PDB file of all heavy atoms in Angstrom:
ATOM      1  N   LYS A   1      63.514 -23.038  31.680  1.00  0.00           N
ATOM      2  CA  LYS A   1      63.766 -21.600  31.731  1.00  0.00           C
ATOM      3  C   LYS A   1      63.855 -21.015  30.315  1.00  0.00           C
ATOM      4  O   LYS A   1      63.419 -19.889  30.073  1.00  0.00           O
ATOM      5  CB  LYS A   1      65.059 -21.308  32.507  1.00  0.00           C
ATOM      6  CG  LYS A   1      64.928 -21.567  34.001  1.00  0.00           C
ATOM      7  CD  LYS A   1      66.161 -21.131  34.759  1.00  0.00           C
ATOM      8  CE  LYS A   1      66.317 -19.610  34.787  1.00  0.00           C
ATOM      9  NZ  LYS A   1      65.210 -18.931  35.448  1.00  0.00           N
ATOM     10  N   ALA A   2      64.407 -21.794  29.390  1.00  0.00           N
ATOM     11  CA  ALA A   2      64.468 -21.352  28.000  1.00  0.00           C
ATOM     12  C   ALA A   2      63.061 -21.166  27.435  1.00  0.00           C
ATOM     13  O   ALA A   2      62.773 -20.187  26.746  1.00  0.00           O
ATOM     14  CB  ALA A   2      65.251 -22.360  27.160  1.00  0.00           C
ATOM     15  N   ARG A   3      62.168 -22.105  27.746  1.00  0.00           N
ATOM     16  CA  ARG A   3      60.780 -22.015  27.280  1.00  0.00           C
ATOM     17  C   ARG A   3      60.089 -20.786  27.862  1.00  0.00           C
ATOM     18  O   ARG A   3      59.402 -20.048  27.161  1.00  0.00           O
ATOM     19  CB  ARG A   3      60.017 -23.275  27.689  1.00  0.00           C
ATOM     20  CG  ARG A   3      58.582 -23.329  27.135  1.00  0.00           C
ATOM     21  CD  ARG A   3      57.694 -24.232  28.002  1.00  0.00           C
ATOM     22  NE  ARG A   3      58.280 -25.540  28.242  1.00  0.00           N
ATOM     23  CZ  ARG A   3      58.031 -26.624  27.498  1.00  0.00           C
ATOM     24  NH1 ARG A   3      57.210 -26.536  26.474  1.00  0.00           N
ATOM     25  NH2 ARG A   3      58.593 -27.770  27.789  1.00  0.00           N
ATOM     26  N   HIS A   4      60.283 -20.572  29.145  1.00  0.00           N
ATOM     27  CA  HIS A   4      59.608 -19.463  29.829  1.00  0.00           C
ATOM     28  C   HIS A   4      60.068 -18.113  29.262  1.00  0.00           C
ATOM     29  O   HIS A   4      59.251 -17.242  28.942  1.00  0.00           O
ATOM     30  CB  HIS A   4      59.876 -19.537  31.325  1.00  0.00           C
ATOM     31  CG  HIS A   4      58.946 -18.700  32.142  1.00  0.00           C
ATOM     32  ND1 HIS A   4      58.959 -18.695  33.523  1.00  0.00           N
ATOM     33  CD2 HIS A   4      57.952 -17.824  31.784  1.00  0.00           C
ATOM     34  CE1 HIS A   4      58.026 -17.864  33.970  1.00  0.00           C
ATOM     35  NE2 HIS A   4      57.407 -17.325  32.932  1.00  0.00           N
ATOM     36  N   ILE A   5      61.368 -17.953  29.119  1.00  0.00           N
ATOM     37  CA  ILE A   5      61.861 -16.654  28.664  1.00  0.00           C
ATOM     38  C   ILE A   5      61.549 -16.417  27.195  1.00  0.00           C
ATOM     39  O   ILE A   5      61.394 -15.279  26.747  1.00  0.00           O
ATOM     40  CB  ILE A   5      63.375 -16.516  28.938  1.00  0.00           C
ATOM     41  CG1 ILE A   5      63.742 -15.022  29.072  1.00  0.00           C
ATOM     42  CG2 ILE A   5      64.211 -17.179  27.853  1.00  0.00           C
ATOM     43  CD1 ILE A   5      65.060 -14.775  29.754  1.00  0.00           C
ATOM     44  N   SER A   6      61.402 -17.498  26.413  1.00  0.00           N
ATOM     45  CA  SER A   6      61.024 -17.323  25.011  1.00  0.00           C
ATOM     46  C   SER A   6      59.617 -16.741  24.907  1.00  0.00           C
ATOM     47  O   SER A   6      59.361 -15.840  24.096  1.00  0.00           O
ATOM     48  CB  SER A   6      61.108 -18.650  24.255  1.00  0.00           C
ATOM     49  OG  SER A   6      60.051 -19.515  24.606  1.00  0.00           O
ATOM     50  N   GLN A   7      58.693 -17.216  25.748  1.00  0.00           N
ATOM     51  CA  GLN A   7      57.326 -16.694  25.705  1.00  0.00           C
ATOM     52  C   GLN A   7      57.251 -15.270  26.239  1.00  0.00           C
ATOM     53  O   GLN A   7      56.482 -14.452  25.734  1.00  0.00           O
ATOM     54  CB  GLN A   7      56.381 -17.624  26.473  1.00  0.00           C
ATOM     55  CG  GLN A   7      56.120 -18.918  25.733  1.00  0.00           C
ATOM     56  CD  GLN A   7      55.114 -19.814  26.438  1.00  0.00           C
ATOM     57  OE1 GLN A   7      55.392 -20.979  26.684  1.00  0.00           O
ATOM     58  NE2 GLN A   7      53.950 -19.298  26.764  1.00  0.00           N
ATOM     59  N   GLN A   8      58.059 -14.974  27.225  1.00  0.00           N
ATOM     60  CA  GLN A   8      58.076 -13.605  27.736  1.00  0.00           C
ATOM     61  C   GLN A   8      58.639 -12.632  26.702  1.00  0.00           C
ATOM     62  O   GLN A   8      58.211 -11.476  26.617  1.00  0.00           O
ATOM     63  CB  GLN A   8      58.905 -13.543  29.020  1.00  0.00           C
ATOM     64  CG  GLN A   8      58.241 -14.235  30.208  1.00  0.00           C
ATOM     65  CD  GLN A   8      56.905 -13.603  30.577  1.00  0.00           C
ATOM     66  OE1 GLN A   8      56.840 -12.440  30.961  1.00  0.00           O
ATOM     67  NE2 GLN A   8      55.826 -14.373  30.446  1.00  0.00           N
ATOM     68  N   SER A   9      59.568 -13.099  25.881  1.00  0.00           N
ATOM     69  CA  SER A   9      60.103 -12.232  24.825  1.00  0.00           C
ATOM     70  C   SER A   9      59.043 -11.958  23.759  1.00  0.00           C
ATOM     71  O   SER A   9      59.010 -10.869  23.175  1.00  0.00           O
ATOM     72  CB  SER A   9      61.348 -12.866  24.196  1.00  0.00           C
ATOM     73  OG  SER A   9      61.043 -14.035  23.482  1.00  0.00           O
ATOM     74  N   ILE A  10      58.162 -12.925  23.534  1.00  0.00           N
ATOM     75  CA  ILE A  10      57.060 -12.716  22.576  1.00  0.00           C
ATOM     76  C   ILE A  10      56.088 -11.674  23.123  1.00  0.00           C
ATOM     77  O   ILE A  10      55.598 -10.811  22.385  1.00  0.00           O
ATOM     78  CB  ILE A  10      56.334 -14.044  22.284  1.00  0.00           C
ATOM     79  CG1 ILE A  10      57.282 -15.010  21.571  1.00  0.00           C
ATOM     80  CG2 ILE A  10      55.082 -13.796  21.438  1.00  0.00           C
ATOM     81  CD1 ILE A  10      56.724 -16.415  21.406  1.00  0.00           C
ATOM     82  N   VAL A  11      55.818 -11.748  24.432  1.00  0.00           N
ATOM     83  CA  VAL A  11      54.951 -10.747  25.069  1.00  0.00           C
ATOM     84  C   VAL A  11      55.556  -9.357  24.914  1.00  0.00           C
ATOM     85  O   VAL A  11      54.868  -8.386  24.560  1.00  0.00           O
ATOM     86  CB  VAL A  11      54.752 -11.082  26.568  1.00  0.00           C
ATOM     87  CG1 VAL A  11      54.033  -9.935  27.275  1.00  0.00           C
ATOM     88  CG2 VAL A  11      53.967 -12.384  26.729  1.00  0.00           C
ATOM     89  N   LEU A  12      56.852  -9.255  25.170  1.00  0.00           N
ATOM     90  CA  LEU A  12      57.538  -7.969  25.050  1.00  0.00           C
ATOM     91  C   LEU A  12      57.507  -7.473  23.604  1.00  0.00           C
ATOM     92  O   LEU A  12      57.334  -6.270  23.350  1.00  0.00           O
ATOM     93  CB  LEU A  12      58.986  -8.128  25.522  1.00  0.00           C
ATOM     94  CG  LEU A  12      59.737  -6.862  25.954  1.00  0.00           C
ATOM     95  CD1 LEU A  12      59.007  -6.143  27.069  1.00  0.00           C
ATOM     96  CD2 LEU A  12      61.160  -7.223  26.384  1.00  0.00           C
ATOM     97  N   ALA A  13      57.653  -8.391  22.665  1.00  0.00           N
ATOM     98  CA  ALA A  13      57.606  -8.026  21.244  1.00  0.00           C
ATOM     99  C   ALA A  13      56.239  -7.459  20.878  1.00  0.00           C
ATOM    100  O   ALA A  13      56.142  -6.490  20.117  1.00  0.00           O
ATOM    101  CB  ALA A  13      57.916  -9.251  20.385  1.00  0.00           C
ATOM    102  N   ALA A  14      55.178  -8.058  21.407  1.00  0.00           N
ATOM    103  CA  ALA A  14      53.830  -7.573  21.119  1.00  0.00           C
ATOM    104  C   ALA A  14      53.629  -6.156  21.645  1.00  0.00           C
ATOM    105  O   ALA A  14      53.059  -5.296  20.964  1.00  0.00           O
ATOM    106  CB  ALA A  14      52.792  -8.519  21.728  1.00  0.00           C
ATOM    107  N   VAL A  15      54.112  -5.897  22.851  1.00  0.00           N
ATOM    108  CA  VAL A  15      53.963  -4.569  23.458  1.00  0.00           C
ATOM    109  C   VAL A  15      54.658  -3.508  22.608  1.00  0.00           C
ATOM    110  O   VAL A  15      54.064  -2.475  22.270  1.00  0.00           O
ATOM    111  CB  VAL A  15      54.546  -4.558  24.894  1.00  0.00           C
ATOM    112  CG1 VAL A  15      54.586  -3.126  25.433  1.00  0.00           C
ATOM    113  CG2 VAL A  15      53.707  -5.446  25.804  1.00  0.00           C
ATOM    114  N   PHE A  16      55.907  -3.754  22.231  1.00  0.00           N
ATOM    115  CA  PHE A  16      56.649  -2.770  21.442  1.00  0.00           C
ATOM    116  C   PHE A  16      56.098  -2.648  20.024  1.00  0.00           C
ATOM    117  O   PHE A  16      56.132  -1.570  19.419  1.00  0.00           O
ATOM    118  CB  PHE A  16      58.134  -3.117  21.418  1.00  0.00           C
ATOM    119  CG  PHE A  16      58.872  -2.639  22.632  1.00  0.00           C
ATOM    120  CD1 PHE A  16      59.086  -3.492  23.709  1.00  0.00           C
ATOM    121  CD2 PHE A  16      59.334  -1.339  22.713  1.00  0.00           C
ATOM    122  CE1 PHE A  16      59.757  -3.052  24.847  1.00  0.00           C
ATOM    123  CE2 PHE A  16      60.010  -0.886  23.846  1.00  0.00           C
ATOM    124  CZ  PHE A  16      60.212  -1.746  24.917  1.00  0.00           C
ATOM    125  N   GLY A  17      55.581  -3.747  19.476  1.00  0.00           N
ATOM    126  CA  GLY A  17      54.986  -3.696  18.146  1.00  0.00           C
ATOM    127  C   GLY A  17      53.752  -2.806  18.112  1.00  0.00           C
ATOM    128  O   GLY A  17      53.554  -2.022  17.170  1.00  0.00           O
ATOM    129  N   ILE A  18      52.934  -2.894  19.143  1.00  0.00           N
ATOM    130  CA  ILE A  18      51.731  -2.061  19.226  1.00  0.00           C
ATOM    131  C   ILE A  18      52.109  -0.598  19.425  1.00  0.00           C
ATOM    132  O   ILE A  18      51.539   0.300  18.788  1.00  0.00           O
ATOM    133  CB  ILE A  18      50.816  -2.555  20.368  1.00  0.00           C
ATOM    134  CG1 ILE A  18      50.253  -3.943  20.017  1.00  0.00           C
ATOM    135  CG2 ILE A  18      49.684  -1.565  20.621  1.00  0.00           C
ATOM    136  CD1 ILE A  18      49.540  -4.616  21.162  1.00  0.00           C
ATOM    137  N   LEU A  19      53.063  -0.339  20.307  1.00  0.00           N
ATOM    138  CA  LEU A  19      53.482   1.046  20.583  1.00  0.00           C
ATOM    139  C   LEU A  19      54.045   1.734  19.333  1.00  0.00           C
ATOM    140  O   LEU A  19      53.705   2.888  19.037  1.00  0.00           O
ATOM    141  CB  LEU A  19      54.529   1.066  21.698  1.00  0.00           C
ATOM    142  CG  LEU A  19      54.020   0.776  23.111  1.00  0.00           C
ATOM    143  CD1 LEU A  19      55.181   0.723  24.092  1.00  0.00           C
ATOM    144  CD2 LEU A  19      53.013   1.832  23.547  1.00  0.00           C
ATOM    145  N   THR A  20      54.897   1.044  18.588  1.00  0.00           N
ATOM    146  CA  THR A  20      55.477   1.647  17.388  1.00  0.00           C
ATOM    147  C   THR A  20      54.420   1.850  16.305  1.00  0.00           C
ATOM    148  O   THR A  20      54.508   2.805  15.520  1.00  0.00           O
ATOM    149  CB  THR A  20      56.635   0.794  16.849  1.00  0.00           C
ATOM    150  OG1 THR A  20      56.211  -0.581  16.722  1.00  0.00           O
ATOM    151  CG2 THR A  20      57.838   0.867  17.761  1.00  0.00           C
ATOM    152  N   GLY A  21      53.419   0.980  16.270  1.00  0.00           N
ATOM    153  CA  GLY A  21      52.329   1.165  15.325  1.00  0.00           C
ATOM    154  C   GLY A  21      51.547   2.439  15.618  1.00  0.00           C
ATOM    155  O   GLY A  21      51.182   3.191  14.699  1.00  0.00           O
ATOM    156  N   ILE A  22      51.306   2.698  16.894  1.00  0.00           N
ATOM    157  CA  ILE A  22      50.594   3.915  17.298  1.00  0.00           C
ATOM    158  C   ILE A  22      51.427   5.154  16.962  1.00  0.00           C
ATOM    159  O   ILE A  22      50.905   6.167  16.482  1.00  0.00           O
ATOM    160  CB  ILE A  22      50.270   3.864  18.807  1.00  0.00           C
ATOM    161  CG1 ILE A  22      49.262   2.743  19.097  1.00  0.00           C
ATOM    162  CG2 ILE A  22      49.717   5.209  19.285  1.00  0.00           C
ATOM    163  CD1 ILE A  22      49.029   2.480  20.572  1.00  0.00           C
ATOM    164  N   ILE A  23      52.727   5.073  17.210  1.00  0.00           N
ATOM    165  CA  ILE A  23      53.624   6.195  16.890  1.00  0.00           C
ATOM    166  C   ILE A  23      53.576   6.502  15.395  1.00  0.00           C
ATOM    167  O   ILE A  23      53.524   7.670  14.984  1.00  0.00           O
ATOM    168  CB  ILE A  23      55.061   5.868  17.337  1.00  0.00           C
ATOM    169  CG1 ILE A  23      55.153   5.883  18.868  1.00  0.00           C
ATOM    170  CG2 ILE A  23      56.065   6.868  16.734  1.00  0.00           C
ATOM    171  CD1 ILE A  23      56.458   5.362  19.411  1.00  0.00           C
ATOM    172  N   THR A  24      53.576   5.465  14.570  1.00  0.00           N
ATOM    173  CA  THR A  24      53.520   5.661  13.120  1.00  0.00           C
ATOM    174  C   THR A  24      52.225   6.345  12.704  1.00  0.00           C
ATOM    175  O   THR A  24      52.230   7.259  11.872  1.00  0.00           O
ATOM    176  CB  THR A  24      53.631   4.311  12.392  1.00  0.00           C
ATOM    177  OG1 THR A  24      54.817   3.642  12.805  1.00  0.00           O
ATOM    178  CG2 THR A  24      53.665   4.515  10.881  1.00  0.00           C
ATOM    179  N   LEU A  25      51.129   5.902  13.273  1.00  0.00           N
ATOM    180  CA  LEU A  25      49.822   6.468  12.940  1.00  0.00           C
ATOM    181  C   LEU A  25      49.777   7.965  13.208  1.00  0.00           C
ATOM    182  O   LEU A  25      49.255   8.742  12.399  1.00  0.00           O
ATOM    183  CB  LEU A  25      48.733   5.748  13.755  1.00  0.00           C
ATOM    184  CG  LEU A  25      47.302   6.280  13.616  1.00  0.00           C
ATOM    185  CD1 LEU A  25      46.804   6.091  12.182  1.00  0.00           C
ATOM    186  CD2 LEU A  25      46.374   5.587  14.612  1.00  0.00           C
ATOM    187  N   ILE A  26      50.360   8.376  14.313  1.00  0.00           N
ATOM    188  CA  ILE A  26      50.246   9.778  14.740  1.00  0.00           C
ATOM    189  C   ILE A  26      51.359  10.658  14.174  1.00  0.00           C
ATOM    190  O   ILE A  26      51.121  11.808  13.795  1.00  0.00           O
ATOM    191  CB  ILE A  26      50.254   9.852  16.289  1.00  0.00           C
ATOM    192  CG1 ILE A  26      49.072   9.059  16.863  1.00  0.00           C
ATOM    193  CG2 ILE A  26      50.199  11.303  16.753  1.00  0.00           C
ATOM    194  CD1 ILE A  26      49.097   8.919  18.368  1.00  0.00           C
ATOM    195  N   PHE A  27      52.582  10.122  14.094  1.00  0.00           N
ATOM    196  CA  PHE A  27      53.744  10.977  13.800  1.00  0.00           C
ATOM    197  C   PHE A  27      54.462  10.641  12.490  1.00  0.00           C
ATOM    198  O   PHE A  27      55.651  10.950  12.358  1.00  0.00           O
ATOM    199  CB  PHE A  27      54.752  10.897  14.950  1.00  0.00           C
ATOM    200  CG  PHE A  27      54.210  11.332  16.272  1.00  0.00           C
ATOM    201  CD1 PHE A  27      53.968  10.402  17.280  1.00  0.00           C
ATOM    202  CD2 PHE A  27      53.934  12.666  16.528  1.00  0.00           C
ATOM    203  CE1 PHE A  27      53.467  10.799  18.511  1.00  0.00           C
ATOM    204  CE2 PHE A  27      53.436  13.074  17.751  1.00  0.00           C
ATOM    205  CZ  PHE A  27      53.202  12.138  18.747  1.00  0.00           C
ATOM    206  N   ALA A  28      53.791  10.061  11.512  1.00  0.00           N
ATOM    207  CA  ALA A  28      54.457   9.660  10.269  1.00  0.00           C
ATOM    208  C   ALA A  28      55.172  10.829   9.591  1.00  0.00           C
ATOM    209  O   ALA A  28      56.379  10.770   9.308  1.00  0.00           O
ATOM    210  CB  ALA A  28      53.459   9.024   9.312  1.00  0.00           C
ATOM    211  N   GLU A  29      54.439  11.911   9.314  1.00  0.00           N
ATOM    212  CA  GLU A  29      55.055  13.053   8.616  1.00  0.00           C
ATOM    213  C   GLU A  29      56.172  13.718   9.417  1.00  0.00           C
ATOM    214  O   GLU A  29      57.264  13.958   8.872  1.00  0.00           O
ATOM    215  CB  GLU A  29      54.007  14.105   8.232  1.00  0.00           C
ATOM    216  CG  GLU A  29      53.183  13.748   7.022  1.00  0.00           C
ATOM    217  CD  GLU A  29      51.942  12.946   7.391  1.00  0.00           C
ATOM    218  OE1 GLU A  29      51.788  12.622   8.602  1.00  0.00           O
ATOM    219  OE2 GLU A  29      51.148  12.633   6.501  1.00  0.00           O
ATOM    220  N   PRO A  30      55.955  14.030  10.706  1.00  0.00           N
ATOM    221  CA  PRO A  30      57.039  14.668  11.468  1.00  0.00           C
ATOM    222  C   PRO A  30      58.327  13.845  11.504  1.00  0.00           C
ATOM    223  O   PRO A  30      59.426  14.398  11.422  1.00  0.00           O
ATOM    224  CB  PRO A  30      56.443  14.819  12.874  1.00  0.00           C
ATOM    225  CG  PRO A  30      54.975  14.892  12.653  1.00  0.00           C
ATOM    226  CD  PRO A  30      54.711  13.972  11.500  1.00  0.00           C
ATOM    227  N   LEU A  31      58.188  12.523  11.598  1.00  0.00           N
ATOM    228  CA  LEU A  31      59.376  11.672  11.630  1.00  0.00           C
ATOM    229  C   LEU A  31      60.128  11.729  10.304  1.00  0.00           C
ATOM    230  O   LEU A  31      61.367  11.787  10.271  1.00  0.00           O
ATOM    231  CB  LEU A  31      58.983  10.225  11.959  1.00  0.00           C
ATOM    232  CG  LEU A  31      58.558   9.959  13.403  1.00  0.00           C
ATOM    233  CD1 LEU A  31      58.013   8.538  13.551  1.00  0.00           C
ATOM    234  CD2 LEU A  31      59.715  10.181  14.368  1.00  0.00           C
ATOM    235  N   LEU A  32      59.402  11.728   9.200  1.00  0.00           N
ATOM    236  CA  LEU A  32      60.043  11.783   7.893  1.00  0.00           C
ATOM    237  C   LEU A  32      60.633  13.159   7.607  1.00  0.00           C
ATOM    238  O   LEU A  32      61.652  13.283   6.917  1.00  0.00           O
ATOM    239  CB  LEU A  32      59.043  11.402   6.794  1.00  0.00           C
ATOM    240  CG  LEU A  32      58.561   9.944   6.794  1.00  0.00           C
ATOM    241  CD1 LEU A  32      57.544   9.727   5.690  1.00  0.00           C
ATOM    242  CD2 LEU A  32      59.729   8.989   6.626  1.00  0.00           C
ATOM    243  N   LYS A  33      60.007  14.206   8.143  1.00  0.00           N
ATOM    244  CA  LYS A  33      60.520  15.560   7.926  1.00  0.00           C
ATOM    245  C   LYS A  33      61.884  15.764   8.578  1.00  0.00           C
ATOM    246  O   LYS A  33      62.647  16.643   8.172  1.00  0.00           O
ATOM    247  CB  LYS A  33      59.523  16.595   8.467  1.00  0.00           C
ATOM    248  CG  LYS A  33      58.300  16.800   7.578  1.00  0.00           C
ATOM    249  CD  LYS A  33      57.349  17.828   8.175  1.00  0.00           C
ATOM    250  CE  LYS A  33      56.123  18.026   7.297  1.00  0.00           C
ATOM    251  NZ  LYS A  33      55.161  18.981   7.910  1.00  0.00           N
ATOM    252  N   LEU A  34      62.178  14.962   9.595  1.00  0.00           N
ATOM    253  CA  LEU A  34      63.495  15.043  10.229  1.00  0.00           C
ATOM    254  C   LEU A  34      64.613  14.769   9.230  1.00  0.00           C
ATOM    255  O   LEU A  34      65.761  15.172   9.443  1.00  0.00           O
ATOM    256  CB  LEU A  34      63.586  14.036  11.381  1.00  0.00           C
ATOM    257  CG  LEU A  34      62.712  14.318  12.613  1.00  0.00           C
ATOM    258  CD1 LEU A  34      62.816  13.154  13.589  1.00  0.00           C
ATOM    259  CD2 LEU A  34      63.129  15.613  13.286  1.00  0.00           C
ATOM    260  N   MET A  35      64.265  14.080   8.136  1.00  0.00           N
ATOM    261  CA  MET A  35      65.257  13.735   7.120  1.00  0.00           C
ATOM    262  C   MET A  35      65.499  14.878   6.145  1.00  0.00           C
ATOM    263  O   MET A  35      66.409  14.810   5.320  1.00  0.00           O
ATOM    264  CB  MET A  35      64.799  12.495   6.342  1.00  0.00           C
ATOM    265  CG  MET A  35      64.493  11.299   7.216  1.00  0.00           C
ATOM    266  SD  MET A  35      65.965  10.616   7.977  1.00  0.00           S
ATOM    267  CE  MET A  35      66.784   9.934   6.568  1.00  0.00           C
ATOM    268  N   GLY A  36      64.676  15.919   6.200  1.00  0.00           N
ATOM    269  CA  GLY A  36      64.849  17.062   5.312  1.00  0.00           C
ATOM    270  C   GLY A  36      64.559  16.752   3.856  1.00  0.00           C
ATOM    271  O   GLY A  36      65.175  17.338   2.952  1.00  0.00           O
ATOM    272  N   ILE A  37      63.592  15.857   3.603  1.00  0.00           N
ATOM    273  CA  ILE A  37      63.321  15.439   2.228  1.00  0.00           C
ATOM    274  C   ILE A  37      62.427  16.430   1.500  1.00  0.00           C
ATOM    275  O   ILE A  37      61.743  17.246   2.101  1.00  0.00           O
ATOM    276  CB  ILE A  37      62.667  14.036   2.213  1.00  0.00           C
ATOM    277  CG1 ILE A  37      61.394  14.011   3.072  1.00  0.00           C
ATOM    278  CG2 ILE A  37      63.637  12.991   2.696  1.00  0.00           C
ATOM    279  CD1 ILE A  37      60.698  12.676   3.105  1.00  0.00           C
ATOM    280  N   GLU A  38      62.425  16.333   0.176  1.00  0.00           N
ATOM    281  CA  GLU A  38      61.616  17.210  -0.650  1.00  0.00           C
ATOM    282  C   GLU A  38      60.144  16.842  -0.536  1.00  0.00           C
ATOM    283  O   GLU A  38      59.790  15.725  -0.157  1.00  0.00           O
ATOM    284  CB  GLU A  38      62.076  17.105  -2.113  1.00  0.00           C
ATOM    285  CG  GLU A  38      63.537  17.496  -2.314  1.00  0.00           C
ATOM    286  CD  GLU A  38      64.058  17.155  -3.706  1.00  0.00           C
ATOM    287  OE1 GLU A  38      63.262  16.645  -4.523  1.00  0.00           O
ATOM    288  OE2 GLU A  38      65.246  17.401  -3.962  1.00  0.00           O
ATOM    289  N   ALA A  39      59.265  17.796  -0.934  1.00  0.00           N
ATOM    290  CA  ALA A  39      57.819  17.622  -0.762  1.00  0.00           C
ATOM    291  C   ALA A  39      57.282  16.387  -1.483  1.00  0.00           C
ATOM    292  O   ALA A  39      56.470  15.634  -0.940  1.00  0.00           O
ATOM    293  CB  ALA A  39      57.089  18.872  -1.254  1.00  0.00           C
ATOM    294  N   GLU A  40      57.736  16.143  -2.718  1.00  0.00           N
ATOM    295  CA  GLU A  40      57.220  15.007  -3.483  1.00  0.00           C
ATOM    296  C   GLU A  40      57.645  13.682  -2.840  1.00  0.00           C
ATOM    297  O   GLU A  40      56.906  12.695  -2.892  1.00  0.00           O
ATOM    298  CB  GLU A  40      57.692  15.073  -4.929  1.00  0.00           C
ATOM    299  CG  GLU A  40      59.205  14.996  -5.111  1.00  0.00           C
ATOM    300  CD  GLU A  40      59.608  14.880  -6.577  1.00  0.00           C
ATOM    301  OE1 GLU A  40      58.785  14.385  -7.378  1.00  0.00           O
ATOM    302  OE2 GLU A  40      60.729  15.289  -6.915  1.00  0.00           O
TER     303      GLU A  40
END
């Protein structure tokens, strides 16, 4: 059971890794603007 759940956690990690990568590609500037940082 330890072996099985370890591999399923890797699958879950891949899914979330891909999703966050897509979010970064599309929303990089808007996410950083939430911090109220200067233009430079």
